[in-house]
C-alpha atoms as a PDB file:
ATOM      1  CA  MET A   1     234.319 115.845 247.156  1.00  0.00           C
ATOM      2  CA  VAL A   2     237.987 116.113 246.192  1.00  0.00           C
ATOM      3  CA  GLN A   3     238.424 112.347 246.281  1.00  0.00           C
ATOM      4  CA  ASN A   4     235.657 111.637 243.902  1.00  0.00           C
ATOM      5  CA  LEU A   5     236.933 114.268 241.843  1.00  0.00           C
ATOM      6  CA  GLU A   6     240.119 112.739 241.769  1.00  0.00           C
ATOM      7  CA  SER A   7     239.513 109.201 241.404  1.00  0.00           C
ATOM      8  CA  LEU A   8     237.131 110.428 238.410  1.00  0.00           C
ATOM      9  CA  ILE A   9     239.598 112.330 236.519  1.00  0.00           C
ATOM     10  CA  LEU A  10     241.767 109.353 237.072  1.00  0.00           C
ATOM     11  CA  ASP A  11     239.093 107.032 235.339  1.00  0.00           C
ATOM     12  CA  PHE A  12     238.816 109.688 232.369  1.00  0.00           C
ATOM     13  CA  ARG A  13     242.406 110.166 231.982  1.00  0.00           C
ATOM     14  CA  TYR A  14     242.204 108.054 228.750  1.00  0.00           C
ATOM     15  CA  ILE A  15     239.944 110.809 227.037  1.00  0.00           C
ATOM     16  CA  ILE A  16     240.990 113.752 228.763  1.00  0.00           C
ATOM     17  CA  ASN A  17     245.088 112.801 227.120  1.00  0.00           C
ATOM     18  CA  ASP A  18     243.470 111.669 223.918  1.00  0.00           C
ATOM     19  CA  ALA A  19     241.032 114.480 223.423  1.00  0.00           C
ATOM     20  CA  ASP A  20     242.523 115.361 220.712  1.00  0.00           C
ATOM     21  CA  LYS A  21     242.650 112.065 218.971  1.00  0.00           C
ATOM     22  CA  LEU A  22     238.794 111.093 219.402  1.00  0.00           C
ATOM     23  CA  SER A  23     237.516 109.865 216.191  1.00  0.00           C
ATOM     24  CA  ASN A  24     234.088 108.942 217.021  1.00  0.00           C
ATOM     25  CA  PRO A  25     233.828 111.143 219.759  1.00  0.00           C
ATOM     26  CA  LYS A  26     229.623 110.620 220.385  1.00  0.00           C
ATOM     27  CA  ASP A  27     230.847 107.233 221.730  1.00  0.00           C
ATOM     28  CA  TYR A  28     232.128 108.745 224.799  1.00  0.00           C
ATOM     29  CA  ILE A  29     229.516 111.162 225.362  1.00  0.00           C
ATOM     30  CA  GLN A  30     229.175 109.244 228.305  1.00  0.00           C
ATOM     31  CA  ILE A  31     231.973 110.344 229.854  1.00  0.00           C
ATOM     32  CA  ILE A  32     232.437 113.368 228.918  1.00  0.00           C
ATOM     33  CA  SER A  33     228.929 114.775 229.545  1.00  0.00           C
ATOM     34  CA  GLU A  34     230.372 113.063 233.264  1.00  0.00           C
ATOM     35  CA  ILE A  35     233.840 115.212 232.670  1.00  0.00           C
ATOM     36  CA  GLN A  36     231.196 118.279 231.637  1.00  0.00           C
ATOM     37  CA  TYR A  37     229.265 117.737 235.460  1.00  0.00           C
ATOM     38  CA  ILE A  38     232.867 117.266 237.138  1.00  0.00           C
ATOM     39  CA  ILE A  39     233.448 121.201 235.447  1.00  0.00           C
ATOM     40  CA  SER A  40     230.300 122.695 236.124  1.00  0.00           C
ATOM     41  CA  SER A  41     229.703 121.078 240.162  1.00  0.00           C
ATOM     42  CA  SER A  42     233.633 122.192 240.898  1.00  0.00           C
ATOM     43  CA  ASN A  43     236.041 125.137 241.717  1.00  0.00           C
ATOM     44  CA  ALA A  44     237.468 124.489 237.238  1.00  0.00           C
ATOM     45  CA  LYS A  45     238.127 127.725 235.527  1.00  0.00           C
ATOM     46  CA  PHE A  46     238.373 128.590 232.068  1.00  0.00           C
ATOM     47  CA  TYR A  47     242.139 128.167 231.027  1.00  0.00           C
ATOM     48  CA  GLU A  48     243.638 129.590 227.863  1.00  0.00           C
ATOM     49  CA  GLY A  49     247.149 128.778 227.089  1.00  0.00           C
ATOM     50  CA  ILE A  50     247.943 131.570 223.895  1.00  0.00           C
ATOM     51  CA  LYS A  51     249.110 135.234 223.796  1.00  0.00           C
ATOM     52  CA  ARG A  52     245.631 136.703 222.484  1.00  0.00           C
ATOM     53  CA  LYS A  53     246.193 140.058 220.678  1.00  0.00           C
ATOM     54  CA  ARG A  54     245.080 142.235 217.152  1.00  0.00           C
ATOM     55  CA  ILE A  55     247.041 142.880 214.415  1.00  0.00           C
ATOM     56  CA  PRO A  56     246.230 144.129 211.143  1.00  0.00           C
ATOM     57  CA  PHE A  57     244.080 141.432 209.139  1.00  0.00           C
ATOM     58  CA  ASN A  58     247.119 142.729 205.715  1.00  0.00           C
ATOM     59  CA  GLU A  59     250.027 141.786 208.195  1.00  0.00           C
ATOM     60  CA  ILE A  60     248.796 137.499 207.791  1.00  0.00           C
ATOM     61  CA  GLU A  61     248.973 137.724 204.793  1.00  0.00           C
ATOM     62  CA  ARG A  62     252.270 139.288 203.662  1.00  0.00           C
ATOM     63  CA  TYR A  63     252.685 136.177 205.617  1.00  0.00           C
ATOM     64  CA  ILE A  64     249.910 133.268 204.835  1.00  0.00           C
ATOM     65  CA  ASP A  65     248.228 133.223 201.777  1.00  0.00           C
ATOM     66  CA  LEU A  66     244.950 131.686 204.036  1.00  0.00           C
ATOM     67  CA  ASP A  67     243.322 131.446 200.300  1.00  0.00           C
ATOM     68  CA  SER A  68     246.299 129.458 199.104  1.00  0.00           C
ATOM     69  CA  ILE A  69     245.950 127.393 201.785  1.00  0.00           C
ATOM     70  CA  LEU A  70     242.242 126.479 202.813  1.00  0.00           C
ATOM     71  CA  ILE A  71     240.926 123.642 201.061  1.00  0.00           C
ATOM     72  CA  ASN A  72     237.480 122.977 199.895  1.00  0.00           C
ATOM     73  CA  GLY A  73     235.463 122.322 202.778  1.00  0.00           C
ATOM     74  CA  CYS A  74     236.744 124.148 205.247  1.00  0.00           C
ATOM     75  CA  SER A  75     237.006 127.482 206.040  1.00  0.00           C
ATOM     76  CA  THR A  76     238.054 130.504 208.782  1.00  0.00           C
ATOM     77  CA  ILE A  77     235.421 132.336 211.184  1.00  0.00           C
ATOM     78  CA  GLY A  78     235.103 134.973 213.109  1.00  0.00           C
ATOM     79  CA  SER A  79     237.224 138.296 212.617  1.00  0.00           C
ATOM     80  CA  ILE A  80     239.741 136.884 210.296  1.00  0.00           C
ATOM     81  CA  GLU A  81     237.115 135.114 207.837  1.00  0.00           C
ATOM     82  CA  ILE A  82     235.153 138.358 208.107  1.00  0.00           C
ATOM     83  CA  ALA A  83     238.515 140.638 206.599  1.00  0.00           C
ATOM     84  CA  ARG A  84     238.619 137.769 204.087  1.00  0.00           C
ATOM     85  CA  ILE A  85     235.893 137.822 202.478  1.00  0.00           C
ATOM     86  CA  LEU A  86     235.926 141.784 202.720  1.00  0.00           C
ATOM     87  CA  ARG A  87     239.456 142.114 201.039  1.00  0.00           C
ATOM     88  CA  PHE A  88     240.258 144.592 204.486  1.00  0.00           C
ATOM     89  CA  GLY A  89     243.526 144.503 204.793  1.00  0.00           C
ATOM     90  CA  GLU A  90     244.238 146.991 207.194  1.00  0.00           C
ATOM     91  CA  LYS A  91     241.630 145.269 209.472  1.00  0.00           C
ATOM     92  CA  ASP A  92     242.720 144.223 212.855  1.00  0.00           C
ATOM     93  CA  VAL A  93     242.043 141.548 213.955  1.00  0.00           C
ATOM     94  CA  SER A  94     242.975 138.311 216.324  1.00  0.00           C
ATOM     95  CA  ASN A  95     246.002 136.484 216.122  1.00  0.00           C
ATOM     96  CA  VAL A  96     244.046 133.052 216.223  1.00  0.00           C
ATOM     97  CA  ILE A  97     242.898 131.766 213.061  1.00  0.00           C
ATOM     98  CA  ASP A  98     240.493 129.859 213.741  1.00  0.00           C
ATOM     99  CA  ILE A  99     239.759 127.145 210.776  1.00  0.00           C
ATOM    100  CA  VAL A 100     236.299 124.486 210.974  1.00  0.00           C
ATOM    101  CA  CYS A 101     236.618 121.469 208.323  1.00  0.00           C
ATOM    102  CA  GLU A 102     233.621 120.136 207.904  1.00  0.00           C
ATOM    103  CA  ASP A 103     234.812 116.666 208.266  1.00  0.00           C
ATOM    104  CA  GLN A 104     237.959 114.541 209.597  1.00  0.00           C
ATOM    105  CA  GLN A 105     239.120 113.726 206.938  1.00  0.00           C
ATOM    106  CA  ARG A 106     239.341 117.859 205.335  1.00  0.00           C
ATOM    107  CA  THR A 107     240.845 118.334 209.299  1.00  0.00           C
ATOM    108  CA  ILE A 108     243.341 115.995 208.445  1.00  0.00           C
ATOM    109  CA  LYS A 109     244.395 117.284 204.883  1.00  0.00           C
ATOM    110  CA  GLN A 110     243.908 120.669 205.380  1.00  0.00           C
ATOM    111  CA  LYS A 111     246.891 120.430 208.969  1.00  0.00           C
ATOM    112  CA  ASP A 112     248.918 118.659 206.004  1.00  0.00           C
ATOM    113  CA  SER A 113     248.142 121.566 203.520  1.00  0.00           C
ATOM    114  CA  ILE A 114     248.923 124.143 206.392  1.00  0.00           C
ATOM    115  CA  ILE A 115     252.317 122.091 207.338  1.00  0.00           C
ATOM    116  CA  LYS A 116     253.805 122.030 203.781  1.00  0.00           C
ATOM    117  CA  TYR A 117     253.322 125.956 203.313  1.00  0.00           C
ATOM    118  CA  LEU A 118     254.473 126.467 206.215  1.00  0.00           C
ATOM    119  CA  GLU A 119     257.556 124.443 206.513  1.00  0.00           C
ATOM    120  CA  VAL A 120     258.217 125.445 202.280  1.00  0.00           C
ATOM    121  CA  ARG A 121     258.594 128.733 203.754  1.00  0.00           C
ATOM    122  CA  LYS A 122     260.697 128.041 206.802  1.00  0.00           C
ATOM    123  CA  TYR A 123     258.313 129.098 209.466  1.00  0.00           C
ATOM    124  CA  GLU A 124     259.077 128.115 212.412  1.00  0.00           C
ATOM    125  CA  TYR A 125     255.599 125.988 214.098  1.00  0.00           C
ATOM    126  CA  ALA A 126     255.355 123.874 216.623  1.00  0.00           C
ATOM    127  CA  PHE A 127     251.924 122.059 217.660  1.00  0.00           C
ATOM    128  CA  LEU A 128     250.605 122.687 221.258  1.00  0.00           C
ATOM    129  CA  PRO A 129     248.598 120.463 223.335  1.00  0.00           C
ATOM    130  CA  ASN A 130     245.533 119.598 223.607  1.00  0.00           C
ATOM    131  CA  ASN A 131     244.674 120.937 226.757  1.00  0.00           C
ATOM    132  CA  ILE A 132     245.784 124.521 225.453  1.00  0.00           C
ATOM    133  CA  TYR A 133     242.164 125.550 225.733  1.00  0.00           C
ATOM    134  CA  GLY A 134     239.987 123.996 229.116  1.00  0.00           C
ATOM    135  CA  PHE A 135     239.591 124.478 232.535  1.00  0.00           C
ATOM    136  CA  LYS A 136     241.681 124.527 235.390  1.00  0.00           C
ATOM    137  CA  LEU A 137     240.640 121.913 238.832  1.00  0.00           C
ATOM    138  CA  ASN A 138     243.253 122.108 241.219  1.00  0.00           C
ATOM    139  CA  LEU A 139     243.087 118.306 243.050  1.00  0.00           C
ATOM    140  CA  ASN A 140     245.289 118.154 246.549  1.00  0.00           C
ATOM    141  CA  GLY A 141     247.410 120.765 245.282  1.00  0.00           C
ATOM    142  CA  GLU A 142     248.537 119.534 241.741  1.00  0.00           C
ATOM    143  CA  GLU A 143     246.584 121.563 239.346  1.00  0.00           C
ATOM    144  CA  VAL A 144     245.004 119.655 236.696  1.00  0.00           C
ATOM    145  CA  LYS A 145     244.582 121.067 232.948  1.00  0.00           C
ATOM    146  CA  ILE A 146     241.336 119.347 231.518  1.00  0.00           C
ATOM    147  CA  PRO A 147     241.000 119.818 227.434  1.00  0.00           C
ATOM    148  CA  ASN A 148     236.976 121.600 226.854  1.00  0.00           C
ATOM    149  CA  LEU A 149     237.288 119.611 223.080  1.00  0.00           C
ATOM    150  CA  TYR A 150     236.741 116.172 222.054  1.00  0.00           C
ATOM    151  CA  GLY A 151     237.161 115.008 218.357  1.00  0.00           C
ATOM    152  CA  ILE A 152     239.796 115.574 215.888  1.00  0.00           C
ATOM    153  CA  TYR A 153     241.374 118.804 215.970  1.00  0.00           C
ATOM    154  CA  TYR A 154     245.222 120.682 216.424  1.00  0.00           C
ATOM    155  CA  TYR A 155     246.079 123.616 217.414  1.00  0.00           C
ATOM    156  CA  ILE A 156     249.628 124.500 215.751  1.00  0.00           C
ATOM    157  CA  LYS A 157     251.655 127.729 216.770  1.00  0.00           C
ATOM    158  CA  VAL A 158     253.282 129.335 214.021  1.00  0.00           C
ATOM    159  CA  LYS A 159     256.540 132.085 214.412  1.00  0.00           C
ATOM    160  CA  LEU A 160     256.076 134.787 211.537  1.00  0.00           C
ATOM    161  CA  PRO A 161     259.797 135.897 209.628  1.00  0.00           C
ATOM    162  CA  ASN A 162     258.636 139.599 211.326  1.00  0.00           C
ATOM    163  CA  ASN A 163     258.018 137.997 215.054  1.00  0.00           C
ATOM    164  CA  THR A 164     254.406 138.144 215.053  1.00  0.00           C
ATOM    165  CA  VAL A 165     253.172 134.989 216.504  1.00  0.00           C
ATOM    166  CA  LEU A 166     249.994 133.257 215.062  1.00  0.00           C
ATOM    167  CA  TYR A 167     247.926 130.318 216.269  1.00  0.00           C
ATOM    168  CA  ILE A 168     246.242 128.344 213.804  1.00  0.00           C
ATOM    169  CA  THR A 169     242.859 125.976 215.624  1.00  0.00           C
ATOM    170  CA  ILE A 170     241.825 122.952 213.224  1.00  0.00           C
ATOM    171  CA  ASN A 171     238.694 121.836 214.198  1.00  0.00           C
ATOM    172  CA  THR A 172     235.920 119.866 213.043  1.00  0.00           C
ATOM    173  CA  ALA A 173     232.220 119.405 212.653  1.00  0.00           C
ATOM    174  CA  GLY A 174     231.096 117.130 215.432  1.00  0.00           C
ATOM    175  CA  ASN A 175     233.502 117.788 217.284  1.00  0.00           C
ATOM    176  CA  ILE A 176     232.041 118.307 221.489  1.00  0.00           C
ATOM    177  CA  PHE A 177     232.436 121.743 223.249  1.00  0.00           C
ATOM    178  CA  ILE A 178     232.494 121.646 226.796  1.00  0.00           C
ATOM    179  CA  LYS A 179     230.920 124.403 228.269  1.00  0.00           C
ATOM    180  CA  LYS A 180     230.289 124.914 232.215  1.00  0.00           C
ATOM    181  CA  SER A 181     226.819 125.175 231.475  1.00  0.00           C
ATOM    182  CA  GLY A 182     226.405 121.994 229.272  1.00  0.00           C
ATOM    183  CA  LEU A 183     228.000 120.288 225.659  1.00  0.00           C
ATOM    184  CA  ASN A 184     227.841 121.389 222.303  1.00  0.00           C
ATOM    185  CA  TYR A 185     228.394 120.577 218.980  1.00  0.00           C
ATOM    186  CA  ILE A 186     230.742 122.303 216.413  1.00  0.00           C
ATOM    187  CA  LEU A 187     228.495 122.529 213.463  1.00  0.00           C
ATOM    188  CA  TYR A 188     230.416 123.987 209.984  1.00  0.00           C
ATOM    189  CA  PHE A 189     228.631 126.633 207.871  1.00  0.00           C
ATOM    190  CA  ASP A 190     229.098 127.198 204.507  1.00  0.00           C
ATOM    191  CA  ASP A 191     228.620 130.633 204.770  1.00  0.00           C
ATOM    192  CA  PHE A 192     230.941 131.709 208.085  1.00  0.00           C
ATOM    193  CA  GLY A 193     231.101 135.626 206.838  1.00  0.00           C
ATOM    194  CA  LEU A 194     227.655 136.213 207.566  1.00  0.00           C
ATOM    195  CA  PHE A 195     227.743 133.155 210.286  1.00  0.00           C
ATOM    196  CA  SER A 196     230.270 135.167 212.056  1.00  0.00           C
ATOM    197  CA  ILE A 197     228.878 138.647 211.282  1.00  0.00           C
ATOM    198  CA  ILE A 198     225.350 137.861 212.491  1.00  0.00           C
ATOM    199  CA  TYR A 199     227.724 136.603 216.077  1.00  0.00           C
ATOM    200  CA  LYS A 200     228.493 139.436 216.845  1.00  0.00           C
ATOM    201  CA  PHE A 201     225.318 141.163 217.236  1.00  0.00           C
ATOM    202  CA  PHE A 202     224.761 137.926 219.772  1.00  0.00           C
ATOM    203  CA  ARG A 203     228.252 138.839 221.250  1.00  0.00           C
ATOM    204  CA  CYS A 204     228.177 142.273 221.387  1.00  0.00           C
ATOM    205  CA  LYS A 205     230.282 142.971 223.600  1.00  0.00           C
ATOM    206  CA  ASP A 206     232.303 146.721 222.426  1.00  0.00           C
ATOM    207  CA  LYS A 207     235.347 145.001 220.144  1.00  0.00           C
ATOM    208  CA  ASP A 208     232.225 143.392 218.407  1.00  0.00           C
ATOM    209  CA  LYS A 209     230.373 146.964 217.394  1.00  0.00           C
ATOM    210  CA  LYS A 210     233.464 148.922 216.551  1.00  0.00           C
ATOM    211  CA  ASP A 211     234.568 146.176 214.730  1.00  0.00           C
ATOM    212  CA  LEU A 212     230.484 146.313 212.860  1.00  0.00           C
ATOM    213  CA  GLU A 213     230.646 149.919 212.336  1.00  0.00           C
ATOM    214  CA  GLU A 214     234.337 149.593 210.413  1.00  0.00           C
ATOM    215  CA  TYR A 215     232.881 146.769 208.091  1.00  0.00           C
ATOM    216  CA  GLU A 216     230.065 149.253 207.056  1.00  0.00           C
ATOM    217  CA  LYS A 217     231.835 152.115 207.342  1.00  0.00           C
ATOM    218  CA  CYS A 218     234.793 151.050 204.611  1.00  0.00           C
ATOM    219  CA  LYS A 219     232.842 148.303 203.143  1.00  0.00           C
ATOM    220  CA  GLU A 220     229.597 148.976 202.902  1.00  0.00           C
ATOM    221  CA  ASP A 221     228.613 147.703 198.953  1.00  0.00           C
ATOM    222  CA  ASP A 222     230.206 144.736 200.328  1.00  0.00           C
ATOM    223  CA  ILE A 223     228.701 144.070 203.341  1.00  0.00           C
ATOM    224  CA  GLU A 224     224.771 144.847 201.437  1.00  0.00           C
ATOM    225  CA  GLU A 225     225.678 142.254 198.810  1.00  0.00           C
ATOM    226  CA  LYS A 226     227.524 139.690 201.291  1.00  0.00           C
ATOM    227  CA  ILE A 227     223.630 140.165 203.543  1.00  0.00           C
ATOM    228  CA  ASN A 228     221.242 140.135 200.577  1.00  0.00           C
ATOM    229  CA  LYS A 229     222.508 137.104 199.179  1.00  0.00           C
ATOM    230  CA  GLY A 230     222.046 135.343 202.789  1.00  0.00           C
ATOM    231  CA  PHE A 231     222.542 131.949 203.766  1.00  0.00           C
ATOM    232  CA  ASN A 232     221.154 128.463 202.096  1.00  0.00           C
ATOM    233  CA  ASP A 233     218.932 125.956 203.499  1.00  0.00           C
ATOM    234  CA  ARG A 234     221.203 124.103 205.065  1.00  0.00           C
ATOM    235  CA  ASP A 235     222.794 127.176 206.917  1.00  0.00           C
ATOM    236  CA  ILE A 236     219.898 128.209 208.142  1.00  0.00           C
ATOM    237  CA  ASN A 237     219.158 124.802 209.402  1.00  0.00           C
ATOM    238  CA  LYS A 238     221.774 124.485 211.559  1.00  0.00           C
ATOM    239  CA  LEU A 239     221.543 128.219 212.718  1.00  0.00           C
ATOM    240  CA  GLY A 240     218.551 127.277 214.403  1.00  0.00           C
ATOM    241  CA  GLN A 241     220.399 123.888 216.007  1.00  0.00           C
ATOM    242  CA  PHE A 242     223.318 126.775 216.715  1.00  0.00           C
ATOM    243  CA  PHE A 243     220.815 129.399 218.880  1.00  0.00           C
ATOM    244  CA  SER A 244     218.195 129.021 220.864  1.00  0.00           C
ATOM    245  CA  LYS A 245     214.931 131.260 220.588  1.00  0.00           C
ATOM    246  CA  GLU A 246     216.442 133.256 223.385  1.00  0.00           C
ATOM    247  CA  ASP A 247     219.997 132.938 222.047  1.00  0.00           C
ATOM    248  CA  ILE A 248     217.618 134.749 218.093  1.00  0.00           C
ATOM    249  CA  ASP A 249     215.414 137.300 221.156  1.00  0.00           C
ATOM    250  CA  ARG A 250     218.767 138.464 222.015  1.00  0.00           C
ATOM    251  CA  ILE A 251     220.410 138.895 218.166  1.00  0.00           C
ATOM    252  CA  ARG A 252     217.238 141.108 218.029  1.00  0.00           C
ATOM    253  CA  LYS A 253     217.403 143.019 220.365  1.00  0.00           C
ATOM    254  CA  ASN A 254     221.147 143.820 220.121  1.00  0.00           C
ATOM    255  CA  LEU A 255     219.916 144.885 216.694  1.00  0.00           C
ATOM    256  CA  ASP A 256     217.541 146.826 217.317  1.00  0.00           C
ATOM    257  CA  LYS A 257     219.593 148.589 219.963  1.00  0.00           C
ATOM    258  CA  TYR A 258     222.099 149.087 217.117  1.00  0.00           C
ATOM    259  CA  LEU A 259     219.981 150.743 214.143  1.00  0.00           C
ATOM    260  CA  GLU A 260     219.047 153.044 216.991  1.00  0.00           C
ATOM    261  CA  GLU A 261     222.428 154.212 216.745  1.00  0.00           C
ATOM    262  CA  HIS A 262     222.803 153.368 213.124  1.00  0.00           C
ATOM    263  CA  PRO A 263     219.423 154.236 211.414  1.00  0.00           C
ATOM    264  CA  ASP A 264     220.492 154.040 207.926  1.00  0.00           C
ATOM    265  CA  SER A 265     222.846 151.129 208.191  1.00  0.00           C
ATOM    266  CA  VAL A 266     222.974 148.055 206.338  1.00  0.00           C
ATOM    267  CA  TYR A 267     222.135 145.537 209.198  1.00  0.00           C
ATOM    268  CA  LYS A 268     218.655 146.418 208.404  1.00  0.00           C
ATOM    269  CA  SER A 269     218.719 143.823 206.027  1.00  0.00           C
ATOM    270  CA  LEU A 270     219.320 141.190 208.388  1.00  0.00           C
ATOM    271  CA  TYR A 271     215.536 140.633 210.159  1.00  0.00           C
ATOM    272  CA  LYS A 272     214.901 139.093 206.564  1.00  0.00           C
ATOM    273  CA  ILE A 273     217.432 136.568 208.186  1.00  0.00           C
ATOM    274  CA  ILE A 274     216.474 136.382 211.272  1.00  0.00           C
ATOM    275  CA  LYS A 275     213.357 135.730 210.807  1.00  0.00           C
ATOM    276  CA  TYR A 276     213.343 132.488 209.350  1.00  0.00           C
ATOM    277  CA  ILE A 277     215.790 131.186 212.221  1.00  0.00           C
END
């Protein structure tokens, strides 16, 4: 089995080495599927080679103006996007700034915009290897790291003047994402803020619940306005691609549970959105 794995990994080495330089990842879907099979049927373990932590959003804003560096067709996602649209400077967010762009041209332009911003301010930065996220395999005593993302993307490490370390990821819609359970395509949403709120109900870890409580405690009117505006038709269609029926049931159950504890929550309006997915 190990010899077979070693042979396959060697055969796919050119794809693995250039995982972040594939202009049309769909052309390699068969090979990427075989890589996923190797990962799912072996002792591979997920690997994240960054030091993740939470910091106040205004600590990021002090040195990086996200509004000015984000180009049209690219957006931050997750807790940072929620804090950005809510102007919630005191909210703790990840030190990983995840950005998704609508196409490869925008991804490259977004990278150039960020690098120019960092260089003008003389911030220290470095591009990280494509396997900073991925899976570790042990083949004949040698540790092999396999990227979990295939397409056009960038990982950048930034050291701010106050010595805080940030990580910026720039991803492209259409990139292929490997999980042990299968393959997923990266999607771009016009409203990543609202998507990120719904995703917190999908994941619903303790930190997500705490975040949701803090959002509505401090920014209830803004949250209500965002939910009432809802998604456009394009985003609704993509939500149906991203979430399975089982995922939607999970979101609904987690929302039910949250509302049992917070009966007057502004999030009850999310039911109006969920029913269209």
